[in-house]
């Protein structure tokens, strides 16, 4: 168990001409969350990551929403990934791999990830409609692409079933949180060893 003095946490602020984003992240949290993105459905999805991943996440995002949500969502994924990469440390003793299947009524998603040190995203989800409220579902891919590029994580996301776009999205984000939680667990049998034959991740 990691003590409070060794909690894996980070705060990252990223400012561009399009967005101003601040992310505070504690990987050894309790699921505490605070979001101000201007995008209520995105806040709802981020809350799934926090709650099911037992991560403490605080986000303040200001973006050019008068144009559309693309820059805000993509840059939030980037900043979240940067915070994750800073917080995770050297990865010694970690489980490294995580996976989860999560259902919600008719929907089912699978997320598998590797704290590999190499960015990679495979995203297979055919949403049943193009938007959830006024949120463009294409932006979920942009969020996860931004995350993996900067967290240096290999991530496979597959929506296996679903007839409701809200349910599809929610199963993805819940499964992502659960998979992160698994991968971030300290494996006592590793006793501080690097979980790789290369000796580095």
N, C-alpha and C. Protein backbone atom coordinates (compact mmCIF):
# COMPACT_ATOMS: atom_id res chain seq x y z
N UNK A 1 0.85 -1.20 0.00
CA UNK A 1 0.00 0.00 0.00
C UNK A 1 0.88 1.24 0.00
N UNK A 2 0.60 2.17 -0.88
CA UNK A 2 1.38 3.40 -0.96
C UNK A 2 0.89 4.36 0.11
N UNK A 3 1.79 4.86 0.93
CA UNK A 3 1.43 5.81 1.96
C UNK A 3 1.15 7.19 1.39
N UNK A 4 0.53 8.02 2.22
CA UNK A 4 0.17 9.35 1.75
C UNK A 4 1.38 10.14 1.29
N UNK A 5 2.53 9.91 1.97
CA UNK A 5 3.73 10.66 1.61
C UNK A 5 4.24 10.26 0.23
N UNK A 6 3.77 9.13 -0.30
CA UNK A 6 4.22 8.66 -1.60
C UNK A 6 3.08 8.65 -2.62
N UNK A 7 2.03 9.37 -2.35
CA UNK A 7 0.91 9.39 -3.28
C UNK A 7 1.36 9.87 -4.66
N UNK A 8 0.86 9.20 -5.65
CA UNK A 8 1.21 9.53 -7.03
C UNK A 8 0.24 10.60 -7.52
N UNK A 9 0.73 11.81 -7.62
CA UNK A 9 -0.15 12.92 -7.98
C UNK A 9 0.60 13.92 -8.86
N UNK A 10 -0.17 14.74 -9.55
CA UNK A 10 0.41 15.76 -10.42
C UNK A 10 -0.62 16.85 -10.68
N UNK A 11 -0.11 18.01 -11.01
CA UNK A 11 -0.95 19.12 -11.48
C UNK A 11 -0.32 19.68 -12.74
N UNK A 12 -1.10 19.76 -13.81
CA UNK A 12 -0.61 20.25 -15.09
C UNK A 12 -1.55 21.34 -15.60
N UNK A 13 -0.96 22.42 -16.04
CA UNK A 13 -1.72 23.49 -16.70
C UNK A 13 -1.21 23.64 -18.11
N UNK A 14 -2.14 23.68 -19.06
CA UNK A 14 -1.78 23.79 -20.48
C UNK A 14 -2.58 24.93 -21.09
N UNK A 15 -1.89 25.94 -21.57
CA UNK A 15 -2.54 27.10 -22.17
C UNK A 15 -2.15 27.24 -23.64
N UNK A 16 -3.15 27.35 -24.49
CA UNK A 16 -2.92 27.64 -25.90
C UNK A 16 -3.83 28.80 -26.30
N UNK A 17 -3.79 29.18 -27.55
CA UNK A 17 -4.67 30.23 -28.03
C UNK A 17 -6.12 29.75 -28.12
N UNK A 18 -6.31 28.42 -28.03
CA UNK A 18 -7.65 27.85 -28.15
C UNK A 18 -8.24 27.40 -26.82
N UNK A 19 -7.37 26.96 -25.90
CA UNK A 19 -7.87 26.43 -24.62
C UNK A 19 -6.93 26.80 -23.48
N UNK A 20 -7.51 26.83 -22.29
CA UNK A 20 -6.74 26.97 -21.05
C UNK A 20 -7.26 25.87 -20.12
N UNK A 21 -6.39 24.93 -19.81
CA UNK A 21 -6.83 23.73 -19.09
C UNK A 21 -5.90 23.45 -17.92
N UNK A 22 -6.50 23.15 -16.77
CA UNK A 22 -5.76 22.73 -15.59
C UNK A 22 -6.32 21.40 -15.10
N UNK A 23 -5.43 20.45 -14.88
CA UNK A 23 -5.82 19.12 -14.39
C UNK A 23 -5.01 18.80 -13.14
N UNK A 24 -5.69 18.46 -12.07
CA UNK A 24 -5.06 17.91 -10.87
C UNK A 24 -5.48 16.45 -10.77
N UNK A 25 -4.51 15.58 -10.53
CA UNK A 25 -4.77 14.14 -10.56
C UNK A 25 -4.03 13.46 -9.41
N UNK A 26 -4.75 12.62 -8.69
CA UNK A 26 -4.17 11.76 -7.65
C UNK A 26 -4.54 10.32 -7.99
N UNK A 27 -3.55 9.53 -8.34
CA UNK A 27 -3.79 8.15 -8.73
C UNK A 27 -4.14 7.26 -7.54
N UNK A 28 -3.89 7.74 -6.34
CA UNK A 28 -4.17 6.97 -5.12
C UNK A 28 -5.32 7.62 -4.35
N UNK A 29 -6.36 7.96 -5.07
CA UNK A 29 -7.46 8.70 -4.48
C UNK A 29 -8.61 7.83 -4.04
N UNK A 30 -9.77 8.48 -3.92
CA UNK A 30 -10.99 7.81 -3.45
C UNK A 30 -12.15 8.00 -4.43
N UNK A 31 -11.87 8.61 -5.58
CA UNK A 31 -12.93 8.88 -6.55
C UNK A 31 -13.51 10.26 -6.45
N UNK A 32 -12.85 11.14 -5.70
CA UNK A 32 -13.30 12.52 -5.58
C UNK A 32 -13.11 13.25 -6.91
N UNK A 33 -14.10 14.05 -7.31
CA UNK A 33 -14.03 14.66 -8.63
C UNK A 33 -14.66 16.04 -8.65
N UNK A 34 -14.07 16.91 -9.47
CA UNK A 34 -14.60 18.26 -9.70
C UNK A 34 -14.29 18.65 -11.13
N UNK A 35 -15.33 19.01 -11.89
CA UNK A 35 -15.14 19.31 -13.31
C UNK A 35 -15.84 20.60 -13.70
N UNK A 36 -15.12 21.43 -14.43
CA UNK A 36 -15.68 22.64 -15.02
C UNK A 36 -15.16 22.73 -16.45
N UNK A 37 -15.85 22.06 -17.37
CA UNK A 37 -15.41 22.06 -18.76
C UNK A 37 -16.33 22.84 -19.69
N UNK A 38 -17.51 23.17 -19.20
CA UNK A 38 -18.52 23.77 -20.08
C UNK A 38 -19.24 22.75 -20.93
N UNK A 39 -18.93 21.47 -20.71
CA UNK A 39 -19.52 20.38 -21.49
C UNK A 39 -20.09 19.36 -20.49
N UNK A 40 -21.35 19.51 -20.11
CA UNK A 40 -21.91 18.68 -19.04
C UNK A 40 -21.80 17.18 -19.29
N UNK A 41 -22.00 16.73 -20.53
CA UNK A 41 -21.91 15.28 -20.75
C UNK A 41 -20.49 14.79 -20.59
N UNK A 42 -19.52 15.59 -21.02
CA UNK A 42 -18.12 15.21 -20.82
C UNK A 42 -17.81 15.14 -19.32
N UNK A 43 -18.31 16.10 -18.55
CA UNK A 43 -18.12 16.06 -17.10
C UNK A 43 -18.66 14.75 -16.53
N UNK A 44 -19.81 14.34 -17.01
CA UNK A 44 -20.44 13.09 -16.56
C UNK A 44 -19.55 11.89 -16.87
N UNK A 45 -18.92 11.89 -18.04
CA UNK A 45 -18.04 10.78 -18.41
C UNK A 45 -16.75 10.80 -17.60
N UNK A 46 -16.18 11.98 -17.38
CA UNK A 46 -14.97 12.08 -16.57
C UNK A 46 -15.23 11.60 -15.15
N UNK A 47 -16.44 11.85 -14.67
CA UNK A 47 -16.80 11.40 -13.32
C UNK A 47 -16.78 9.88 -13.23
N UNK A 48 -17.09 9.20 -14.35
CA UNK A 48 -17.03 7.73 -14.36
C UNK A 48 -15.59 7.26 -14.18
N UNK A 49 -14.64 7.94 -14.83
CA UNK A 49 -13.23 7.57 -14.68
C UNK A 49 -12.81 7.71 -13.22
N UNK A 50 -13.17 8.84 -12.61
CA UNK A 50 -12.78 9.08 -11.22
C UNK A 50 -13.40 8.05 -10.29
N UNK A 51 -14.70 7.85 -10.41
CA UNK A 51 -15.40 6.97 -9.47
C UNK A 51 -14.97 5.52 -9.60
N UNK A 52 -14.90 5.03 -10.83
CA UNK A 52 -14.60 3.61 -11.02
C UNK A 52 -13.11 3.32 -11.03
N UNK A 53 -12.29 4.36 -11.26
CA UNK A 53 -10.84 4.19 -11.18
C UNK A 53 -10.27 4.52 -9.82
N UNK A 54 -11.12 5.04 -8.92
CA UNK A 54 -10.67 5.53 -7.61
C UNK A 54 -9.54 6.54 -7.77
N UNK A 55 -9.73 7.44 -8.72
CA UNK A 55 -8.81 8.54 -8.95
C UNK A 55 -9.45 9.83 -8.46
N UNK A 56 -8.66 10.71 -7.85
CA UNK A 56 -9.13 12.05 -7.56
C UNK A 56 -8.75 12.93 -8.74
N UNK A 57 -9.76 13.55 -9.35
CA UNK A 57 -9.53 14.35 -10.55
C UNK A 57 -10.22 15.70 -10.40
N UNK A 58 -9.48 16.76 -10.66
CA UNK A 58 -10.05 18.10 -10.70
C UNK A 58 -9.68 18.73 -12.04
N UNK A 59 -10.67 19.23 -12.76
CA UNK A 59 -10.45 19.80 -14.09
C UNK A 59 -11.12 21.17 -14.18
N UNK A 60 -10.37 22.14 -14.64
CA UNK A 60 -10.94 23.42 -15.04
C UNK A 60 -10.51 23.65 -16.48
N UNK A 61 -11.46 23.77 -17.38
CA UNK A 61 -11.17 23.92 -18.80
C UNK A 61 -11.95 25.09 -19.37
N UNK A 62 -11.25 25.96 -20.05
CA UNK A 62 -11.87 27.06 -20.78
C UNK A 62 -11.44 26.92 -22.24
N UNK A 63 -12.41 26.77 -23.12
CA UNK A 63 -12.08 26.58 -24.52
C UNK A 63 -12.97 27.38 -25.44
N UNK A 64 -12.66 27.31 -26.73
CA UNK A 64 -13.40 28.07 -27.74
C UNK A 64 -14.68 27.32 -28.13
N UNK A 65 -15.56 27.16 -27.15
CA UNK A 65 -16.80 26.42 -27.38
C UNK A 65 -17.73 27.15 -28.33
N UNK A 66 -17.49 28.43 -28.57
CA UNK A 66 -18.31 29.15 -29.56
C UNK A 66 -18.04 28.63 -30.97
N UNK A 67 -16.89 27.95 -31.15
CA UNK A 67 -16.60 27.31 -32.44
C UNK A 67 -17.19 25.90 -32.42
N UNK A 68 -16.65 25.06 -31.56
CA UNK A 68 -17.23 23.76 -31.24
C UNK A 68 -16.42 23.19 -30.08
N UNK A 69 -16.69 21.96 -29.71
CA UNK A 69 -16.05 21.39 -28.52
C UNK A 69 -14.75 20.66 -28.83
N UNK A 70 -14.36 20.60 -30.10
CA UNK A 70 -13.23 19.75 -30.49
C UNK A 70 -11.95 20.11 -29.75
N UNK A 71 -11.55 21.38 -29.77
CA UNK A 71 -10.28 21.76 -29.15
C UNK A 71 -10.30 21.49 -27.65
N UNK A 72 -11.42 21.77 -27.00
CA UNK A 72 -11.51 21.57 -25.56
C UNK A 72 -11.37 20.10 -25.20
N UNK A 73 -12.05 19.22 -25.92
CA UNK A 73 -12.02 17.80 -25.60
C UNK A 73 -10.64 17.21 -25.91
N UNK A 74 -10.10 17.53 -27.06
CA UNK A 74 -8.78 17.00 -27.43
C UNK A 74 -7.71 17.49 -26.45
N UNK A 75 -7.72 18.79 -26.15
CA UNK A 75 -6.69 19.34 -25.27
C UNK A 75 -6.85 18.85 -23.83
N UNK A 76 -8.06 18.54 -23.44
CA UNK A 76 -8.26 17.95 -22.12
C UNK A 76 -7.66 16.55 -22.07
N UNK A 77 -7.85 15.78 -23.15
CA UNK A 77 -7.21 14.46 -23.22
C UNK A 77 -5.70 14.57 -23.13
N UNK A 78 -5.13 15.56 -23.83
CA UNK A 78 -3.68 15.78 -23.79
C UNK A 78 -3.23 16.12 -22.37
N UNK A 79 -3.92 17.06 -21.73
CA UNK A 79 -3.51 17.50 -20.40
C UNK A 79 -3.69 16.41 -19.36
N UNK A 80 -4.78 15.67 -19.47
CA UNK A 80 -4.99 14.52 -18.58
C UNK A 80 -3.88 13.50 -18.75
N UNK A 81 -3.49 13.25 -20.00
CA UNK A 81 -2.39 12.32 -20.27
C UNK A 81 -1.08 12.80 -19.69
N UNK A 82 -0.80 14.10 -19.81
CA UNK A 82 0.43 14.66 -19.25
C UNK A 82 0.45 14.52 -17.73
N UNK A 83 -0.69 14.79 -17.09
CA UNK A 83 -0.76 14.65 -15.64
C UNK A 83 -0.58 13.19 -15.22
N UNK A 84 -1.20 12.28 -15.97
CA UNK A 84 -1.06 10.85 -15.68
C UNK A 84 0.40 10.42 -15.78
N UNK A 85 1.06 10.85 -16.84
CA UNK A 85 2.45 10.47 -17.07
C UNK A 85 3.37 10.99 -15.96
N UNK A 86 3.09 12.19 -15.48
CA UNK A 86 3.88 12.75 -14.38
C UNK A 86 3.61 12.01 -13.07
N UNK A 87 2.33 11.69 -12.83
CA UNK A 87 1.95 11.12 -11.55
C UNK A 87 2.40 9.68 -11.38
N UNK A 88 2.52 8.95 -12.46
CA UNK A 88 2.70 7.50 -12.35
C UNK A 88 4.10 7.11 -11.86
N UNK A 89 5.07 7.97 -12.04
CA UNK A 89 6.40 7.65 -11.56
C UNK A 89 7.11 6.63 -12.43
N UNK A 90 7.99 5.83 -11.81
CA UNK A 90 8.84 4.93 -12.60
C UNK A 90 8.17 3.58 -12.92
N UNK A 91 6.97 3.34 -12.41
CA UNK A 91 6.16 2.15 -12.69
C UNK A 91 6.67 0.88 -12.03
N UNK A 92 7.69 0.98 -11.21
CA UNK A 92 8.20 -0.22 -10.53
C UNK A 92 7.13 -0.79 -9.61
N UNK A 93 6.98 -2.10 -9.67
CA UNK A 93 6.06 -2.79 -8.78
C UNK A 93 4.60 -2.75 -9.19
N UNK A 94 4.29 -2.12 -10.31
CA UNK A 94 2.90 -2.00 -10.73
C UNK A 94 2.44 -3.25 -11.48
N UNK A 95 1.13 -3.47 -11.46
CA UNK A 95 0.54 -4.57 -12.22
C UNK A 95 0.77 -4.38 -13.72
N UNK A 96 0.78 -3.16 -14.17
CA UNK A 96 1.06 -2.73 -15.54
C UNK A 96 -0.12 -2.91 -16.49
N UNK A 97 -0.73 -4.07 -16.52
CA UNK A 97 -1.84 -4.34 -17.44
C UNK A 97 -3.18 -4.20 -16.71
N UNK A 98 -4.17 -3.72 -17.42
CA UNK A 98 -5.50 -3.65 -16.85
C UNK A 98 -6.55 -3.93 -17.90
N UNK A 99 -7.66 -4.52 -17.46
CA UNK A 99 -8.76 -4.78 -18.39
C UNK A 99 -10.07 -4.77 -17.63
N UNK A 100 -11.14 -4.48 -18.35
CA UNK A 100 -12.46 -4.50 -17.73
C UNK A 100 -13.53 -4.66 -18.80
N UNK A 101 -14.54 -5.45 -18.46
CA UNK A 101 -15.79 -5.50 -19.21
C UNK A 101 -16.84 -4.82 -18.35
N UNK A 102 -17.57 -3.88 -18.93
CA UNK A 102 -18.62 -3.20 -18.16
C UNK A 102 -19.91 -3.18 -18.98
N UNK A 103 -21.00 -3.68 -18.40
CA UNK A 103 -22.32 -3.60 -19.05
C UNK A 103 -23.13 -2.43 -18.49
N UNK A 104 -24.04 -1.96 -19.27
CA UNK A 104 -25.10 -1.05 -18.81
C UNK A 104 -26.33 -1.37 -19.64
N UNK A 105 -27.26 -2.08 -19.03
CA UNK A 105 -28.45 -2.54 -19.75
C UNK A 105 -28.03 -3.29 -21.02
N UNK A 106 -28.39 -2.79 -22.18
CA UNK A 106 -28.11 -3.50 -23.43
C UNK A 106 -26.68 -3.29 -23.94
N UNK A 107 -25.95 -2.34 -23.34
CA UNK A 107 -24.61 -1.98 -23.83
C UNK A 107 -23.53 -2.74 -23.07
N UNK A 108 -22.43 -3.00 -23.77
CA UNK A 108 -21.30 -3.69 -23.18
C UNK A 108 -20.02 -3.20 -23.85
N UNK A 109 -19.04 -2.82 -23.03
CA UNK A 109 -17.74 -2.40 -23.56
C UNK A 109 -16.60 -3.11 -22.85
N UNK A 110 -15.52 -3.27 -23.61
CA UNK A 110 -14.29 -3.86 -23.09
C UNK A 110 -13.15 -2.87 -23.29
N UNK A 111 -12.38 -2.66 -22.24
CA UNK A 111 -11.19 -1.81 -22.32
C UNK A 111 -10.00 -2.61 -21.79
N UNK A 112 -8.92 -2.62 -22.56
CA UNK A 112 -7.68 -3.29 -22.19
C UNK A 112 -6.54 -2.30 -22.37
N UNK A 113 -5.67 -2.20 -21.38
CA UNK A 113 -4.59 -1.22 -21.50
C UNK A 113 -3.29 -1.76 -20.92
N UNK A 114 -2.22 -1.11 -21.36
CA UNK A 114 -0.86 -1.48 -20.97
C UNK A 114 -0.11 -0.18 -20.69
N UNK A 115 0.46 -0.07 -19.50
CA UNK A 115 1.29 1.09 -19.17
C UNK A 115 2.66 0.90 -19.81
N UNK A 116 2.66 0.86 -21.13
CA UNK A 116 3.77 0.34 -21.92
C UNK A 116 4.90 1.34 -22.15
N UNK A 117 4.62 2.62 -21.98
CA UNK A 117 5.59 3.63 -22.38
C UNK A 117 5.53 3.94 -23.86
N UNK A 118 4.56 3.33 -24.55
CA UNK A 118 4.38 3.55 -25.99
C UNK A 118 2.93 3.93 -26.26
N UNK A 119 2.71 5.04 -26.94
CA UNK A 119 1.34 5.45 -27.22
C UNK A 119 0.71 4.63 -28.33
N UNK A 120 -0.50 4.15 -28.08
CA UNK A 120 -1.23 3.42 -29.11
C UNK A 120 -2.69 3.34 -28.75
N UNK A 121 -3.54 3.60 -29.72
CA UNK A 121 -4.98 3.55 -29.50
C UNK A 121 -5.66 2.74 -30.59
N UNK A 122 -6.46 1.76 -30.18
CA UNK A 122 -7.39 1.07 -31.08
C UNK A 122 -8.77 1.33 -30.51
N UNK A 123 -9.61 2.01 -31.29
CA UNK A 123 -10.92 2.46 -30.81
C UNK A 123 -11.99 1.94 -31.74
N UNK A 124 -12.74 0.95 -31.28
CA UNK A 124 -13.79 0.35 -32.08
C UNK A 124 -15.14 0.59 -31.42
N UNK A 125 -15.84 1.59 -31.91
CA UNK A 125 -17.16 1.89 -31.38
C UNK A 125 -18.01 2.53 -32.48
N UNK A 126 -19.05 1.85 -32.85
CA UNK A 126 -20.00 2.39 -33.80
C UNK A 126 -21.20 2.91 -33.01
N UNK A 127 -21.17 4.20 -32.72
CA UNK A 127 -22.28 4.78 -31.95
C UNK A 127 -23.56 4.75 -32.78
N UNK A 128 -24.67 4.56 -32.09
CA UNK A 128 -25.94 4.44 -32.79
C UNK A 128 -26.49 5.78 -33.23
N UNK A 129 -25.93 6.86 -32.71
CA UNK A 129 -26.28 8.18 -33.23
C UNK A 129 -25.08 9.10 -33.13
N UNK A 130 -25.12 10.22 -33.82
CA UNK A 130 -23.95 11.09 -33.98
C UNK A 130 -23.72 12.00 -32.80
N UNK A 131 -24.72 12.20 -31.97
CA UNK A 131 -24.54 13.09 -30.83
C UNK A 131 -25.36 12.60 -29.65
N UNK A 132 -24.89 12.97 -28.47
CA UNK A 132 -25.62 12.71 -27.24
C UNK A 132 -25.97 14.08 -26.68
N UNK A 133 -27.23 14.45 -26.78
CA UNK A 133 -27.58 15.86 -26.56
C UNK A 133 -26.90 16.66 -27.65
N UNK A 134 -26.07 17.63 -27.26
CA UNK A 134 -25.34 18.39 -28.26
C UNK A 134 -23.85 18.02 -28.27
N UNK A 135 -23.51 16.87 -27.67
CA UNK A 135 -22.12 16.43 -27.64
C UNK A 135 -21.84 15.48 -28.81
N UNK A 136 -20.86 15.83 -29.63
CA UNK A 136 -20.48 15.06 -30.81
C UNK A 136 -19.71 13.82 -30.37
N UNK A 137 -20.23 12.63 -30.68
CA UNK A 137 -19.59 11.39 -30.21
C UNK A 137 -18.22 11.16 -30.84
N UNK A 138 -17.93 11.78 -31.98
CA UNK A 138 -16.59 11.66 -32.57
C UNK A 138 -15.51 12.15 -31.63
N UNK A 139 -15.87 13.02 -30.70
CA UNK A 139 -14.88 13.62 -29.82
C UNK A 139 -14.36 12.66 -28.76
N UNK A 140 -15.06 11.56 -28.52
CA UNK A 140 -14.54 10.58 -27.57
C UNK A 140 -13.21 10.02 -28.08
N UNK A 141 -13.15 9.73 -29.37
CA UNK A 141 -11.89 9.25 -29.95
C UNK A 141 -10.79 10.28 -29.75
N UNK A 142 -11.10 11.56 -29.96
CA UNK A 142 -10.10 12.61 -29.81
C UNK A 142 -9.59 12.70 -28.38
N UNK A 143 -10.49 12.53 -27.41
CA UNK A 143 -10.07 12.55 -26.01
C UNK A 143 -9.08 11.42 -25.72
N UNK A 144 -9.42 10.20 -26.13
CA UNK A 144 -8.55 9.07 -25.84
C UNK A 144 -7.25 9.13 -26.64
N UNK A 145 -7.29 9.66 -27.86
CA UNK A 145 -6.06 9.81 -28.63
C UNK A 145 -5.12 10.80 -27.96
N UNK A 146 -5.67 11.91 -27.49
CA UNK A 146 -4.85 12.87 -26.76
C UNK A 146 -4.25 12.25 -25.51
N UNK A 147 -5.06 11.46 -24.81
CA UNK A 147 -4.59 10.82 -23.58
C UNK A 147 -3.43 9.87 -23.86
N UNK A 148 -3.60 8.93 -24.78
CA UNK A 148 -2.56 7.92 -24.99
C UNK A 148 -1.27 8.55 -25.52
N UNK A 149 -1.40 9.58 -26.34
CA UNK A 149 -0.21 10.23 -26.90
C UNK A 149 0.69 10.80 -25.82
N UNK A 150 0.09 11.25 -24.72
CA UNK A 150 0.87 11.93 -23.68
C UNK A 150 1.01 11.12 -22.41
N UNK A 151 0.12 10.16 -22.16
CA UNK A 151 0.29 9.25 -21.03
C UNK A 151 1.23 8.11 -21.38
N UNK A 152 1.49 7.90 -22.67
CA UNK A 152 2.34 6.82 -23.17
C UNK A 152 1.77 5.47 -22.74
N UNK A 153 0.52 5.29 -23.11
CA UNK A 153 -0.24 4.09 -22.76
C UNK A 153 -0.75 3.44 -24.05
N UNK A 154 -0.75 2.11 -24.08
CA UNK A 154 -1.41 1.37 -25.16
C UNK A 154 -2.83 1.05 -24.70
N UNK A 155 -3.81 1.42 -25.52
CA UNK A 155 -5.21 1.36 -25.09
C UNK A 155 -6.08 0.78 -26.19
N UNK A 156 -6.80 -0.28 -25.86
CA UNK A 156 -7.77 -0.88 -26.79
C UNK A 156 -9.17 -0.70 -26.20
N UNK A 157 -10.04 -0.09 -26.96
CA UNK A 157 -11.42 0.15 -26.54
C UNK A 157 -12.35 -0.47 -27.56
N UNK A 158 -13.22 -1.37 -27.09
CA UNK A 158 -14.18 -2.02 -27.97
C UNK A 158 -15.56 -1.95 -27.35
N UNK A 159 -16.49 -1.30 -28.05
CA UNK A 159 -17.89 -1.38 -27.65
C UNK A 159 -18.47 -2.62 -28.33
N UNK A 160 -18.89 -3.58 -27.53
CA UNK A 160 -19.30 -4.88 -28.04
C UNK A 160 -20.79 -4.97 -28.32
N UNK A 161 -21.57 -4.10 -27.67
CA UNK A 161 -23.01 -4.10 -27.87
C UNK A 161 -23.57 -2.77 -27.39
N UNK A 162 -24.70 -2.38 -27.96
CA UNK A 162 -25.35 -1.17 -27.48
C UNK A 162 -26.35 -0.62 -28.47
N UNK A 163 -27.51 -0.24 -27.95
CA UNK A 163 -28.53 0.38 -28.78
C UNK A 163 -28.86 1.79 -28.34
N UNK A 164 -28.08 2.30 -27.36
CA UNK A 164 -28.30 3.63 -26.83
C UNK A 164 -26.93 4.28 -26.69
N UNK A 165 -26.71 5.42 -27.34
CA UNK A 165 -25.39 6.05 -27.39
C UNK A 165 -24.90 6.46 -26.00
N UNK A 166 -25.81 6.92 -25.16
CA UNK A 166 -25.41 7.28 -23.79
C UNK A 166 -24.87 6.05 -23.07
N UNK A 167 -25.55 4.94 -23.20
CA UNK A 167 -25.11 3.71 -22.56
C UNK A 167 -23.76 3.25 -23.13
N UNK A 168 -23.60 3.35 -24.45
CA UNK A 168 -22.33 2.97 -25.07
C UNK A 168 -21.17 3.77 -24.48
N UNK A 169 -21.35 5.09 -24.44
CA UNK A 169 -20.29 5.95 -23.92
C UNK A 169 -20.01 5.66 -22.45
N UNK A 170 -21.05 5.49 -21.68
CA UNK A 170 -20.86 5.30 -20.25
C UNK A 170 -20.13 3.99 -19.95
N UNK A 171 -20.44 2.93 -20.70
CA UNK A 171 -19.72 1.67 -20.47
C UNK A 171 -18.24 1.82 -20.83
N UNK A 172 -17.94 2.59 -21.87
CA UNK A 172 -16.54 2.81 -22.25
C UNK A 172 -15.78 3.52 -21.13
N UNK A 173 -16.34 4.59 -20.60
CA UNK A 173 -15.63 5.36 -19.59
C UNK A 173 -15.55 4.64 -18.26
N UNK A 174 -16.59 3.89 -17.91
CA UNK A 174 -16.51 3.09 -16.69
C UNK A 174 -15.45 2.01 -16.82
N UNK A 175 -15.43 1.33 -17.96
CA UNK A 175 -14.43 0.28 -18.17
C UNK A 175 -13.02 0.85 -18.21
N UNK A 176 -12.87 2.03 -18.78
CA UNK A 176 -11.57 2.69 -18.79
C UNK A 176 -11.09 2.96 -17.36
N UNK A 177 -11.97 3.47 -16.52
CA UNK A 177 -11.62 3.71 -15.13
C UNK A 177 -11.22 2.43 -14.41
N UNK A 178 -12.00 1.37 -14.61
CA UNK A 178 -11.70 0.10 -13.96
C UNK A 178 -10.38 -0.50 -14.45
N UNK A 179 -10.11 -0.38 -15.75
CA UNK A 179 -8.86 -0.91 -16.29
C UNK A 179 -7.66 -0.13 -15.76
N UNK A 180 -7.80 1.19 -15.67
CA UNK A 180 -6.73 2.00 -15.08
C UNK A 180 -6.46 1.57 -13.64
N UNK A 181 -7.54 1.39 -12.89
CA UNK A 181 -7.41 1.00 -11.49
C UNK A 181 -6.63 -0.30 -11.35
N UNK A 182 -6.92 -1.27 -12.20
CA UNK A 182 -6.22 -2.55 -12.15
C UNK A 182 -4.74 -2.38 -12.49
N UNK A 183 -4.46 -1.66 -13.56
CA UNK A 183 -3.07 -1.51 -14.02
C UNK A 183 -2.21 -0.75 -13.01
N UNK A 184 -2.82 0.17 -12.28
CA UNK A 184 -2.09 1.00 -11.34
C UNK A 184 -1.86 0.35 -9.99
N UNK A 185 -2.50 -0.81 -9.75
CA UNK A 185 -2.34 -1.48 -8.47
C UNK A 185 -0.89 -1.93 -8.27
N UNK A 186 -0.42 -1.79 -7.05
CA UNK A 186 0.91 -2.27 -6.70
C UNK A 186 0.84 -3.79 -6.48
N UNK A 187 1.68 -4.51 -7.17
CA UNK A 187 1.76 -5.97 -7.03
C UNK A 187 2.86 -6.28 -6.02
N UNK A 188 2.47 -6.74 -4.84
CA UNK A 188 3.46 -6.95 -3.77
C UNK A 188 4.49 -8.00 -4.16
N UNK A 189 4.15 -8.90 -5.06
CA UNK A 189 5.11 -9.93 -5.48
C UNK A 189 6.20 -9.35 -6.37
N UNK A 190 5.91 -8.18 -6.98
CA UNK A 190 6.93 -7.53 -7.81
C UNK A 190 8.01 -6.86 -6.96
N UNK A 191 7.68 -6.52 -5.72
CA UNK A 191 8.64 -5.97 -4.75
C UNK A 191 9.53 -4.88 -5.35
N UNK A 192 8.89 -3.93 -6.02
CA UNK A 192 9.66 -2.81 -6.56
C UNK A 192 10.35 -3.10 -7.88
N UNK A 193 10.12 -4.28 -8.45
CA UNK A 193 10.75 -4.60 -9.72
C UNK A 193 10.00 -3.94 -10.87
N UNK A 194 10.71 -3.72 -11.96
CA UNK A 194 10.10 -3.19 -13.16
C UNK A 194 9.32 -4.31 -13.87
N UNK A 195 8.03 -4.09 -14.18
CA UNK A 195 7.24 -5.15 -14.82
C UNK A 195 7.50 -5.26 -16.32
N UNK A 196 8.78 -5.46 -16.66
CA UNK A 196 9.17 -5.59 -18.06
C UNK A 196 10.53 -6.27 -18.13
N UNK A 197 10.70 -7.16 -19.11
CA UNK A 197 12.01 -7.79 -19.31
C UNK A 197 13.03 -6.81 -19.86
N UNK A 198 12.55 -5.67 -20.36
CA UNK A 198 13.49 -4.64 -20.86
C UNK A 198 14.17 -3.90 -19.71
N UNK A 199 13.53 -3.92 -18.53
CA UNK A 199 14.06 -3.18 -17.40
C UNK A 199 13.62 -1.74 -17.34
N UNK A 200 12.80 -1.34 -18.31
CA UNK A 200 12.32 0.04 -18.36
C UNK A 200 11.00 0.08 -19.11
N UNK A 201 10.12 1.00 -18.71
CA UNK A 201 8.87 1.22 -19.43
C UNK A 201 8.76 2.70 -19.77
